[in-house]
Amino acid sequence: MTDRRGVVAKRAENLSPDVPYVRGWARACRGAGALATQLTTLGLEPDFPGLAADVNVAGDGLVRLGAIRPEAALLLAELIVSGLGAEMANRGETLAQKAEEGRHNSSAA
């Protein structure tokens, strides 16, 4: 099973000595841990019981969400969208502040 980018290859059940599995798994573990922390903060940890780090045959780290209820998937999607919206608003404010500073600096010169 491989997606169009070749990321989700078969799980690494039979290891090859020339593939750095630990590095990929460690990255996945950090990612899964960060996600678990945020889910716990939001009280959603019970909705993602299968959250785990994994690695594929190529040594790429994977974060598995496991089987989740449709409501949990919808809520996660809503959280991502609202986070992206907040990030875009922050970028807009930063650009506006920089433009305002530029106007003040050019008028002071």
Protein backbone atom coordinates (compact mmCIF):
# COMPACT_ATOMS: atom_id res chain seq x y z
CA MET A 1 0.00 0.00 0.00
CA THR A 2 1.67 3.21 -1.20
CA ASP A 3 0.19 6.64 -1.74
CA ARG A 4 1.05 8.76 -4.77
CA ARG A 5 4.08 10.24 -2.98
CA GLY A 6 5.36 6.81 -1.92
CA VAL A 7 5.12 7.67 1.78
CA VAL A 8 2.80 5.00 3.07
CA ALA A 9 4.63 1.86 2.05
CA LYS A 10 4.18 -1.47 3.82
CA ARG A 11 4.88 -1.55 7.54
CA ALA A 12 8.39 -2.51 8.54
CA GLU A 13 7.71 -5.98 9.92
CA ASN A 14 10.75 -7.56 8.26
CA LEU A 15 13.67 -5.26 8.87
CA SER A 16 16.52 -4.60 6.45
CA PRO A 17 19.95 -3.89 7.95
CA ASP A 18 20.64 -0.92 5.64
CA VAL A 19 17.49 1.12 6.52
CA PRO A 20 17.60 3.65 9.42
CA TYR A 21 14.31 2.63 11.04
CA VAL A 22 15.06 4.14 14.45
CA ARG A 23 15.44 7.67 13.04
CA GLY A 24 12.07 7.47 11.26
CA TRP A 25 10.36 5.95 14.26
CA ALA A 26 11.82 8.61 16.58
CA ARG A 27 10.44 11.38 14.33
CA ALA A 28 7.05 9.64 14.31
CA CYS A 29 7.18 9.27 18.09
CA ARG A 30 7.80 13.00 18.53
CA GLY A 31 4.94 13.81 16.16
CA ALA A 32 2.55 11.39 17.84
CA GLY A 33 3.55 12.74 21.25
CA ALA A 34 2.92 16.34 20.21
CA LEU A 35 -0.47 15.41 18.79
CA ALA A 36 -1.34 13.40 21.91
CA THR A 37 -0.46 16.39 24.10
CA GLN A 38 -2.77 18.67 22.15
CA LEU A 39 -5.58 16.10 22.08
CA THR A 40 -5.23 15.64 25.84
CA THR A 41 -5.35 19.41 26.38
CA LEU A 42 -8.58 19.53 24.39
CA GLY A 43 -10.02 16.51 26.23
CA LEU A 44 -10.05 14.44 23.03
CA GLU A 45 -7.51 11.76 23.93
CA PRO A 46 -10.19 9.06 24.39
CA ASP A 47 -11.37 9.69 20.81
CA PHE A 48 -7.98 8.59 19.41
CA PRO A 49 -7.14 5.34 21.23
CA GLY A 50 -5.04 3.99 18.35
CA LEU A 51 -2.68 6.99 18.12
CA ALA A 52 0.81 5.53 17.74
CA ALA A 53 4.19 5.98 16.11
CA ASP A 54 5.18 3.52 13.40
CA VAL A 55 7.68 3.15 10.58
CA ASN A 56 7.40 1.79 7.05
CA VAL A 57 9.76 -0.46 5.08
CA ALA A 58 11.63 2.59 3.73
CA GLY A 59 12.33 3.85 7.26
CA ASP A 60 9.85 6.72 7.01
CA GLY A 61 8.17 7.58 10.27
CA LEU A 62 4.38 7.37 10.33
CA VAL A 63 1.83 8.58 12.83
CA ARG A 64 -1.15 6.27 12.92
CA LEU A 65 -4.43 7.66 14.19
CA GLY A 66 -6.06 4.25 14.29
CA ALA A 67 -9.77 3.70 13.78
CA ILE A 68 -11.71 6.73 14.99
CA ARG A 69 -15.37 7.66 15.08
CA PRO A 70 -16.63 9.88 12.24
CA GLU A 71 -17.43 12.60 14.79
CA ALA A 72 -13.80 12.59 15.97
CA ALA A 73 -12.59 12.94 12.37
CA LEU A 74 -14.97 15.86 11.78
CA LEU A 75 -13.87 17.56 14.98
CA LEU A 76 -10.19 17.13 14.06
CA ALA A 77 -10.88 18.62 10.63
CA GLU A 78 -12.68 21.58 12.23
CA LEU A 79 -9.78 22.16 14.61
CA ILE A 80 -7.31 22.16 11.72
CA VAL A 81 -9.41 24.61 9.72
CA SER A 82 -9.87 26.96 12.68
CA GLY A 83 -6.14 26.80 13.43
CA LEU A 84 -5.31 27.65 9.83
CA GLY A 85 -7.80 30.52 9.94
CA ALA A 86 -6.17 31.90 13.09
CA GLU A 87 -2.72 31.56 11.53
CA MET A 88 -3.83 33.44 8.41
CA ALA A 89 -5.35 36.21 10.57
CA ASN A 90 -2.08 36.52 12.51
CA ARG A 91 -0.11 36.77 9.28
CA GLY A 92 -2.46 39.47 8.03
CA GLU A 93 -1.98 41.46 11.24
CA THR A 94 1.81 41.10 10.99
CA LEU A 95 1.80 42.31 7.38
CA ALA A 96 -0.41 45.26 8.30
CA GLN A 97 1.93 46.21 11.17
CA LYS A 98 4.98 46.02 8.90
CA ALA A 99 3.25 48.17 6.29
CA GLU A 100 2.33 50.73 8.96
CA GLU A 101 5.93 50.77 10.26
CA GLY A 102 7.15 51.26 6.69
CA ARG A 103 4.87 54.27 6.25
CA HIS A 104 6.10 55.80 9.52
CA ASN A 105 9.75 55.21 8.63
CA SER A 106 9.41 56.70 5.14
CA SER A 107 7.55 59.79 6.40
CA ALA A 108 10.14 60.35 9.16
CA ALA A 109 13.00 60.35 6.65
